[in-house]
Amino acid sequence: KYGDVNEEVGDEIETITHDTLSLDLSKYIYEYIGLEIPYKKLHPRFREQISNDDHDPLVYQTETYKKLDIEDDIDPRWKTLLKLKNN
């Protein structure tokens, strides 16, 4: 709408003067695109995992701890190959 001053009347209505040469539509384009992006749909199994993970305490492991676990579980036939890989 044309008016005496530039102002936002409502969510979708702005008044502009007759002297206005350009309009900043970036806000409206951003909102339009944001509404067009669909929500991410998750399989119910994954939704349960996410909700359960929120209440569990976080457990951190060091690299040496992980390395010890791996070495204990290795088949003796593969230990020589692991030695070659680590060199």
PDB file of N, CA and C in Angstrom:
ATOM      1  N   LYS A   1       0.838  -1.168   0.000  1.00  0.00           N
ATOM      2  CA  LYS A   1       0.000   0.000   0.000  1.00  0.00           C
ATOM      3  C   LYS A   1       0.885   1.234   0.000  1.00  0.00           C
ATOM      4  N   TYR A   2       0.379   2.261  -0.561  1.00  0.00           N
ATOM      5  CA  TYR A   2       1.078   3.545  -0.524  1.00  0.00           C
ATOM      6  C   TYR A   2       0.585   4.343   0.667  1.00  0.00           C
ATOM      7  N   GLY A   3       1.533   4.990   1.337  1.00  0.00           N
ATOM      8  CA  GLY A   3       1.180   5.810   2.485  1.00  0.00           C
ATOM      9  C   GLY A   3       2.135   6.979   2.614  1.00  0.00           C
ATOM     10  N   ASP A   4       2.043   7.662   3.751  1.00  0.00           N
ATOM     11  CA  ASP A   4       2.894   8.834   3.977  1.00  0.00           C
ATOM     12  C   ASP A   4       4.299   8.440   4.448  1.00  0.00           C
ATOM     13  N   VAL A   5       4.413   7.316   5.174  1.00  0.00           N
ATOM     14  CA  VAL A   5       5.715   6.872   5.704  1.00  0.00           C
ATOM     15  C   VAL A   5       5.889   5.383   5.424  1.00  0.00           C
ATOM     16  N   ASN A   6       7.143   4.933   5.435  1.00  0.00           N
ATOM     17  CA  ASN A   6       7.427   3.501   5.294  1.00  0.00           C
ATOM     18  C   ASN A   6       7.232   2.835   6.652  1.00  0.00           C
ATOM     19  N   GLU A   7       6.298   1.904   6.730  1.00  0.00           N
ATOM     20  CA  GLU A   7       6.087   1.175   7.981  1.00  0.00           C
ATOM     21  C   GLU A   7       5.433  -0.170   7.683  1.00  0.00           C
ATOM     22  N   GLU A   8       5.608  -1.093   8.628  1.00  0.00           N
ATOM     23  CA  GLU A   8       5.005  -2.416   8.501  1.00  0.00           C
ATOM     24  C   GLU A   8       3.689  -2.406   9.259  1.00  0.00           C
ATOM     25  N   VAL A   9       2.595  -2.583   8.540  1.00  0.00           N
ATOM     26  CA  VAL A   9       1.269  -2.532   9.141  1.00  0.00           C
ATOM     27  C   VAL A   9       0.912  -3.874   9.769  1.00  0.00           C
ATOM     28  N   GLY A  10       1.209  -4.950   9.073  1.00  0.00           N
ATOM     29  CA  GLY A  10       0.907  -6.287   9.570  1.00  0.00           C
ATOM     30  C   GLY A  10       1.988  -7.245   9.132  1.00  0.00           C
ATOM     31  N   ASP A  11       1.701  -8.538   9.234  1.00  0.00           N
ATOM     32  CA  ASP A  11       2.680  -9.542   8.825  1.00  0.00           C
ATOM     33  C   ASP A  11       2.951  -9.502   7.325  1.00  0.00           C
ATOM     34  N   GLU A  12       1.933  -9.198   6.551  1.00  0.00           N
ATOM     35  CA  GLU A  12       2.081  -9.232   5.097  1.00  0.00           C
ATOM     36  C   GLU A  12       1.842  -7.881   4.428  1.00  0.00           C
ATOM     37  N   ILE A  13       1.563  -6.858   5.198  1.00  0.00           N
ATOM     38  CA  ILE A  13       1.237  -5.555   4.611  1.00  0.00           C
ATOM     39  C   ILE A  13       2.237  -4.506   5.103  1.00  0.00           C
ATOM     40  N   GLU A  14       2.790  -3.771   4.162  1.00  0.00           N
ATOM     41  CA  GLU A  14       3.672  -2.645   4.467  1.00  0.00           C
ATOM     42  C   GLU A  14       3.193  -1.444   3.680  1.00  0.00           C
ATOM     43  N   THR A  15       3.313  -0.296   4.291  1.00  0.00           N
ATOM     44  CA  THR A  15       3.017   0.929   3.549  1.00  0.00           C
ATOM     45  C   THR A  15       4.340   1.530   3.091  1.00  0.00           C
ATOM     46  N   ILE A  16       4.361   2.017   1.867  1.00  0.00           N
ATOM     47  CA  ILE A  16       5.552   2.648   1.304  1.00  0.00           C
ATOM     48  C   ILE A  16       5.158   3.995   0.725  1.00  0.00           C
ATOM     49  N   THR A  17       6.128   4.861   0.618  1.00  0.00           N
ATOM     50  CA  THR A  17       5.860   6.173   0.019  1.00  0.00           C
ATOM     51  C   THR A  17       5.954   6.061  -1.501  1.00  0.00           C
ATOM     52  N   HIS A  18       5.493   7.059  -2.187  1.00  0.00           N
ATOM     53  CA  HIS A  18       5.558   7.073  -3.652  1.00  0.00           C
ATOM     54  C   HIS A  18       6.995   7.230  -4.137  1.00  0.00           C
ATOM     55  N   ASP A  19       7.886   7.708  -3.259  1.00  0.00           N
ATOM     56  CA  ASP A  19       9.286   7.924  -3.630  1.00  0.00           C
ATOM     57  C   ASP A  19      10.126   6.653  -3.525  1.00  0.00           C
ATOM     58  N   THR A  20       9.606   5.579  -2.961  1.00  0.00           N
ATOM     59  CA  THR A  20      10.383   4.357  -2.737  1.00  0.00           C
ATOM     60  C   THR A  20      10.778   3.737  -4.069  1.00  0.00           C
ATOM     61  N   LEU A  21      12.106   3.526  -4.236  1.00  0.00           N
ATOM     62  CA  LEU A  21      12.604   2.969  -5.490  1.00  0.00           C
ATOM     63  C   LEU A  21      12.850   1.466  -5.409  1.00  0.00           C
ATOM     64  N   SER A  22      13.118   0.949  -4.213  1.00  0.00           N
ATOM     65  CA  SER A  22      13.392  -0.492  -4.083  1.00  0.00           C
ATOM     66  C   SER A  22      12.776  -1.013  -2.791  1.00  0.00           C
ATOM     67  N   LEU A  23      12.496  -2.297  -2.803  1.00  0.00           N
ATOM     68  CA  LEU A  23      11.927  -2.965  -1.631  1.00  0.00           C
ATOM     69  C   LEU A  23      12.874  -4.062  -1.169  1.00  0.00           C
ATOM     70  N   ASP A  24      13.010  -4.214   0.139  1.00  0.00           N
ATOM     71  CA  ASP A  24      13.825  -5.288   0.699  1.00  0.00           C
ATOM     72  C   ASP A  24      12.899  -6.472   0.985  1.00  0.00           C
ATOM     73  N   LEU A  25      12.914  -7.442   0.096  1.00  0.00           N
ATOM     74  CA  LEU A  25      12.046  -8.612   0.229  1.00  0.00           C
ATOM     75  C   LEU A  25      12.773  -9.806   0.835  1.00  0.00           C
ATOM     76  N   SER A  26      14.007  -9.623   1.293  1.00  0.00           N
ATOM     77  CA  SER A  26      14.801 -10.746   1.797  1.00  0.00           C
ATOM     78  C   SER A  26      14.124 -11.440   2.975  1.00  0.00           C
ATOM     79  N   LYS A  27      13.495 -10.688   3.858  1.00  0.00           N
ATOM     80  CA  LYS A  27      12.808 -11.275   5.013  1.00  0.00           C
ATOM     81  C   LYS A  27      11.682 -12.211   4.560  1.00  0.00           C
ATOM     82  N   TYR A  28      10.911 -11.768   3.602  1.00  0.00           N
ATOM     83  CA  TYR A  28       9.782 -12.567   3.122  1.00  0.00           C
ATOM     84  C   TYR A  28      10.246 -13.806   2.356  1.00  0.00           C
ATOM     85  N   ILE A  29      11.298 -13.656   1.572  1.00  0.00           N
ATOM     86  CA  ILE A  29      11.839 -14.806   0.837  1.00  0.00           C
ATOM     87  C   ILE A  29      12.409 -15.830   1.804  1.00  0.00           C
ATOM     88  N   TYR A  30      13.125 -15.362   2.831  1.00  0.00           N
ATOM     89  CA  TYR A  30      13.693 -16.260   3.839  1.00  0.00           C
ATOM     90  C   TYR A  30      12.585 -17.045   4.546  1.00  0.00           C
ATOM     91  N   GLU A  31      11.533 -16.359   4.966  1.00  0.00           N
ATOM     92  CA  GLU A  31      10.419 -17.030   5.637  1.00  0.00           C
ATOM     93  C   GLU A  31       9.722 -18.014   4.706  1.00  0.00           C
ATOM     94  N   TYR A  32       9.542 -17.656   3.450  1.00  0.00           N
ATOM     95  CA  TYR A  32       8.883 -18.533   2.484  1.00  0.00           C
ATOM     96  C   TYR A  32       9.690 -19.808   2.282  1.00  0.00           C
ATOM     97  N   ILE A  33      10.999 -19.663   2.102  1.00  0.00           N
ATOM     98  CA  ILE A  33      11.856 -20.839   1.908  1.00  0.00           C
ATOM     99  C   ILE A  33      11.871 -21.696   3.166  1.00  0.00           C
ATOM    100  N   GLY A  34      11.925 -21.059   4.321  1.00  0.00           N
ATOM    101  CA  GLY A  34      11.918 -21.803   5.582  1.00  0.00           C
ATOM    102  C   GLY A  34      10.655 -22.627   5.763  1.00  0.00           C
ATOM    103  N   LEU A  35       9.544 -22.126   5.284  1.00  0.00           N
ATOM    104  CA  LEU A  35       8.291 -22.878   5.390  1.00  0.00           C
ATOM    105  C   LEU A  35       8.200 -23.998   4.364  1.00  0.00           C
ATOM    106  N   GLU A  36       8.905 -23.880   3.264  1.00  0.00           N
ATOM    107  CA  GLU A  36       8.852 -24.889   2.210  1.00  0.00           C
ATOM    108  C   GLU A  36       9.734 -26.101   2.498  1.00  0.00           C
ATOM    109  N   ILE A  37      10.708 -25.967   3.387  1.00  0.00           N
ATOM    110  CA  ILE A  37      11.604 -27.086   3.696  1.00  0.00           C
ATOM    111  C   ILE A  37      10.853 -28.064   4.591  1.00  0.00           C
ATOM    112  N   PRO A  38      10.711 -29.317   4.181  1.00  0.00           N
ATOM    113  CA  PRO A  38       9.961 -30.277   4.996  1.00  0.00           C
ATOM    114  C   PRO A  38      10.754 -30.689   6.233  1.00  0.00           C
ATOM    115  N   TYR A  39      10.026 -31.083   7.257  1.00  0.00           N
ATOM    116  CA  TYR A  39      10.659 -31.603   8.457  1.00  0.00           C
ATOM    117  C   TYR A  39      11.276 -32.951   8.146  1.00  0.00           C
ATOM    118  N   LYS A  40      12.316 -33.293   8.871  1.00  0.00           N
ATOM    119  CA  LYS A  40      12.982 -34.576   8.680  1.00  0.00           C
ATOM    120  C   LYS A  40      12.131 -35.658   9.337  1.00  0.00           C
ATOM    121  N   LYS A  41      11.767 -36.663   8.555  1.00  0.00           N
ATOM    122  CA  LYS A  41      10.975 -37.763   9.084  1.00  0.00           C
ATOM    123  C   LYS A  41      11.917 -38.867   9.541  1.00  0.00           C
ATOM    124  N   LEU A  42      11.718 -39.347  10.756  1.00  0.00           N
ATOM    125  CA  LEU A  42      12.552 -40.403  11.310  1.00  0.00           C
ATOM    126  C   LEU A  42      11.729 -41.665  11.506  1.00  0.00           C
ATOM    127  N   HIS A  43      12.355 -42.789  11.277  1.00  0.00           N
ATOM    128  CA  HIS A  43      11.741 -44.075  11.558  1.00  0.00           C
ATOM    129  C   HIS A  43      11.509 -44.153  13.068  1.00  0.00           C
ATOM    130  N   PRO A  44      10.404 -44.765  13.522  1.00  0.00           N
ATOM    131  CA  PRO A  44      10.132 -44.828  14.963  1.00  0.00           C
ATOM    132  C   PRO A  44      11.282 -45.430  15.772  1.00  0.00           C
ATOM    133  N   ARG A  45      12.009 -46.368  15.195  1.00  0.00           N
ATOM    134  CA  ARG A  45      13.131 -46.972  15.911  1.00  0.00           C
ATOM    135  C   ARG A  45      14.194 -45.917  16.242  1.00  0.00           C
ATOM    136  N   PHE A  46      14.447 -45.007  15.316  1.00  0.00           N
ATOM    137  CA  PHE A  46      15.451 -43.977  15.544  1.00  0.00           C
ATOM    138  C   PHE A  46      14.941 -42.905  16.497  1.00  0.00           C
ATOM    139  N   ARG A  47      13.645 -42.644  16.487  1.00  0.00           N
ATOM    140  CA  ARG A  47      13.093 -41.670  17.429  1.00  0.00           C
ATOM    141  C   ARG A  47      13.258 -42.162  18.855  1.00  0.00           C
ATOM    142  N   GLU A  48      13.083 -43.472  19.079  1.00  0.00           N
ATOM    143  CA  GLU A  48      13.256 -44.033  20.417  1.00  0.00           C
ATOM    144  C   GLU A  48      14.702 -43.917  20.862  1.00  0.00           C
ATOM    145  N   GLN A  49      15.646 -44.141  19.959  1.00  0.00           N
ATOM    146  CA  GLN A  49      17.060 -44.032  20.311  1.00  0.00           C
ATOM    147  C   GLN A  49      17.409 -42.606  20.705  1.00  0.00           C
ATOM    148  N   ILE A  50      16.886 -41.645  19.986  1.00  0.00           N
ATOM    149  CA  ILE A  50      17.190 -40.251  20.292  1.00  0.00           C
ATOM    150  C   ILE A  50      16.616 -39.874  21.648  1.00  0.00           C
ATOM    151  N   SER A  51      15.394 -40.291  21.935  1.00  0.00           N
ATOM    152  CA  SER A  51      14.796 -39.936  23.217  1.00  0.00           C
ATOM    153  C   SER A  51      15.515 -40.638  24.365  1.00  0.00           C
ATOM    154  N   ASN A  52      16.000 -41.863  24.158  1.00  0.00           N
ATOM    155  CA  ASN A  52      16.735 -42.564  25.204  1.00  0.00           C
ATOM    156  C   ASN A  52      18.118 -41.967  25.409  1.00  0.00           C
ATOM    157  N   ASP A  53      18.737 -41.482  24.359  1.00  0.00           N
ATOM    158  CA  ASP A  53      20.078 -40.913  24.457  1.00  0.00           C
ATOM    159  C   ASP A  53      20.088 -39.619  25.254  1.00  0.00           C
ATOM    160  N   ASP A  54      18.974 -38.925  25.334  1.00  0.00           N
ATOM    161  CA  ASP A  54      18.942 -37.650  26.045  1.00  0.00           C
ATOM    162  C   ASP A  54      19.176 -37.821  27.540  1.00  0.00           C
ATOM    163  N   HIS A  55      18.791 -38.960  28.092  1.00  0.00           N
ATOM    164  CA  HIS A  55      18.876 -39.149  29.530  1.00  0.00           C
ATOM    165  C   HIS A  55      20.093 -39.958  29.960  1.00  0.00           C
ATOM    166  N   ASP A  56      20.793 -40.580  29.028  1.00  0.00           N
ATOM    167  CA  ASP A  56      21.964 -41.378  29.374  1.00  0.00           C
ATOM    168  C   ASP A  56      23.173 -40.477  29.584  1.00  0.00           C
ATOM    169  N   PRO A  57      24.020 -40.825  30.567  1.00  0.00           N
ATOM    170  CA  PRO A  57      25.244 -40.034  30.739  1.00  0.00           C
ATOM    171  C   PRO A  57      26.213 -40.314  29.595  1.00  0.00           C
ATOM    172  N   LEU A  58      27.022 -39.341  29.271  1.00  0.00           N
ATOM    173  CA  LEU A  58      28.000 -39.501  28.202  1.00  0.00           C
ATOM    174  C   LEU A  58      29.225 -40.223  28.742  1.00  0.00           C
ATOM    175  N   VAL A  59      29.731 -41.159  27.968  1.00  0.00           N
ATOM    176  CA  VAL A  59      30.907 -41.923  28.359  1.00  0.00           C
ATOM    177  C   VAL A  59      31.982 -41.667  27.316  1.00  0.00           C
ATOM    178  N   TYR A  60      33.159 -41.265  27.785  1.00  0.00           N
ATOM    179  CA  TYR A  60      34.266 -40.994  26.879  1.00  0.00           C
ATOM    180  C   TYR A  60      35.344 -42.038  27.084  1.00  0.00           C
ATOM    181  N   GLN A  61      36.004 -42.414  26.001  1.00  0.00           N
ATOM    182  CA  GLN A  61      37.103 -43.364  26.059  1.00  0.00           C
ATOM    183  C   GLN A  61      38.332 -42.720  25.450  1.00  0.00           C
ATOM    184  N   THR A  62      39.484 -43.065  25.992  1.00  0.00           N
ATOM    185  CA  THR A  62      40.724 -42.567  25.413  1.00  0.00           C
ATOM    186  C   THR A  62      41.153 -43.490  24.289  1.00  0.00           C
ATOM    187  N   GLU A  63      42.078 -43.025  23.486  1.00  0.00           N
ATOM    188  CA  GLU A  63      42.576 -43.831  22.374  1.00  0.00           C
ATOM    189  C   GLU A  63      43.284 -45.081  22.878  1.00  0.00           C
ATOM    190  N   THR A  64      44.017 -44.983  23.983  1.00  0.00           N
ATOM    191  CA  THR A  64      44.733 -46.163  24.495  1.00  0.00           C
ATOM    192  C   THR A  64      43.750 -47.216  24.974  1.00  0.00           C
ATOM    193  N   TYR A  65      42.641 -46.789  25.556  1.00  0.00           N
ATOM    194  CA  TYR A  65      41.633 -47.733  26.018  1.00  0.00           C
ATOM    195  C   TYR A  65      41.032 -48.479  24.827  1.00  0.00           C
ATOM    196  N   LYS A  66      40.725 -47.766  23.767  1.00  0.00           N
ATOM    197  CA  LYS A  66      40.177 -48.403  22.568  1.00  0.00           C
ATOM    198  C   LYS A  66      41.189 -49.356  21.950  1.00  0.00           C
ATOM    199  N   LYS A  67      42.451 -48.952  21.961  1.00  0.00           N
ATOM    200  CA  LYS A  67      43.499 -49.779  21.375  1.00  0.00           C
ATOM    201  C   LYS A  67      43.646 -51.087  22.151  1.00  0.00           C
ATOM    202  N   LEU A  68      43.555 -51.012  23.471  1.00  0.00           N
ATOM    203  CA  LEU A  68      43.654 -52.220  24.294  1.00  0.00           C
ATOM    204  C   LEU A  68      42.496 -53.168  24.007  1.00  0.00           C
ATOM    205  N   ASP A  69      41.297 -52.617  23.851  1.00  0.00           N
ATOM    206  CA  ASP A  69      40.137 -53.457  23.545  1.00  0.00           C
ATOM    207  C   ASP A  69      40.317 -54.167  22.209  1.00  0.00           C
ATOM    208  N   ILE A  70      40.834 -53.468  21.240  1.00  0.00           N
ATOM    209  CA  ILE A  70      41.015 -54.054  19.913  1.00  0.00           C
ATOM    210  C   ILE A  70      42.054 -55.163  19.961  1.00  0.00           C
ATOM    211  N   GLU A  71      43.147 -54.927  20.669  1.00  0.00           N
ATOM    212  CA  GLU A  71      44.214 -55.928  20.721  1.00  0.00           C
ATOM    213  C   GLU A  71      43.777 -57.184  21.464  1.00  0.00           C
ATOM    214  N   ASP A  72      42.912 -57.051  22.453  1.00  0.00           N
ATOM    215  CA  ASP A  72      42.438 -58.221  23.193  1.00  0.00           C
ATOM    216  C   ASP A  72      41.508 -59.088  22.355  1.00  0.00           C
ATOM    217  N   ASP A  73      40.777 -58.488  21.448  1.00  0.00           N
ATOM    218  CA  ASP A  73      39.791 -59.223  20.660  1.00  0.00           C
ATOM    219  C   ASP A  73      40.351 -59.804  19.359  1.00  0.00           C
ATOM    220  N   ILE A  74      41.608 -59.562  19.051  1.00  0.00           N
ATOM    221  CA  ILE A  74      42.165 -59.984  17.762  1.00  0.00           C
ATOM    222  C   ILE A  74      42.528 -61.464  17.794  1.00  0.00           C
ATOM    223  N   ASP A  75      42.206 -62.114  16.699  1.00  0.00           N
ATOM    224  CA  ASP A  75      42.573 -63.509  16.493  1.00  0.00           C
ATOM    225  C   ASP A  75      44.098 -63.598  16.385  1.00  0.00           C
ATOM    226  N   PRO A  76      44.715 -64.583  17.031  1.00  0.00           N
ATOM    227  CA  PRO A  76      46.182 -64.691  17.007  1.00  0.00           C
ATOM    228  C   PRO A  76      46.754 -64.778  15.595  1.00  0.00           C
ATOM    229  N   ARG A  77      45.995 -65.291  14.658  1.00  0.00           N
ATOM    230  CA  ARG A  77      46.486 -65.394  13.282  1.00  0.00           C
ATOM    231  C   ARG A  77      46.667 -64.019  12.643  1.00  0.00           C
ATOM    232  N   TRP A  78      45.926 -63.031  13.117  1.00  0.00           N
ATOM    233  CA  TRP A  78      45.975 -61.700  12.515  1.00  0.00           C
ATOM    234  C   TRP A  78      46.944 -60.764  13.233  1.00  0.00           C
ATOM    235  N   LYS A  79      47.485 -61.177  14.373  1.00  0.00           N
ATOM    236  CA  LYS A  79      48.367 -60.293  15.136  1.00  0.00           C
ATOM    237  C   LYS A  79      49.613 -59.903  14.353  1.00  0.00           C
ATOM    238  N   THR A  80      50.148 -60.815  13.564  1.00  0.00           N
ATOM    239  CA  THR A  80      51.340 -60.479  12.781  1.00  0.00           C
ATOM    240  C   THR A  80      51.023 -59.417  11.730  1.00  0.00           C
ATOM    241  N   LEU A  81      49.837 -59.491  11.146  1.00  0.00           N
ATOM    242  CA  LEU A  81      49.455 -58.461  10.179  1.00  0.00           C
ATOM    243  C   LEU A  81      49.278 -57.102  10.859  1.00  0.00           C
ATOM    244  N   LEU A  82      48.758 -57.110  12.074  1.00  0.00           N
ATOM    245  CA  LEU A  82      48.598 -55.867  12.814  1.00  0.00           C
ATOM    246  C   LEU A  82      49.958 -55.247  13.121  1.00  0.00           C
ATOM    247  N   LYS A  83      50.943 -56.069  13.444  1.00  0.00           N
ATOM    248  CA  LYS A  83      52.293 -55.561  13.702  1.00  0.00           C
ATOM    249  C   LYS A  83      52.857 -54.903  12.450  1.00  0.00           C
ATOM    250  N   LEU A  84      52.615 -55.490  11.289  1.00  0.00           N
ATOM    251  CA  LEU A  84      53.093 -54.897  10.040  1.00  0.00           C
ATOM    252  C   LEU A  84      52.404 -53.556   9.762  1.00  0.00           C
ATOM    253  N   LYS A  85      51.143 -53.493  10.083  1.00  0.00           N
ATOM    254  CA  LYS A  85      50.383 -52.273   9.841  1.00  0.00           C
ATOM    255  C   LYS A  85      50.867 -51.140  10.747  1.00  0.00           C
ATOM    256  N   ASN A  86      51.175 -51.446  12.006  1.00  0.00           N
ATOM    257  CA  ASN A  86      51.594 -50.427  12.965  1.00  0.00           C
ATOM    258  C   ASN A  86      53.005 -49.913  12.699  1.00  0.00           C
ATOM    259  N   ASN A  87      53.816 -50.659  11.941  1.00  0.00           N
ATOM    260  CA  ASN A  87      55.191 -50.197  11.656  1.00  0.00           C
ATOM    261  C   ASN A  87      55.171 -49.238  10.572  1.00  0.00           C
TER     262      ASN A  87
END
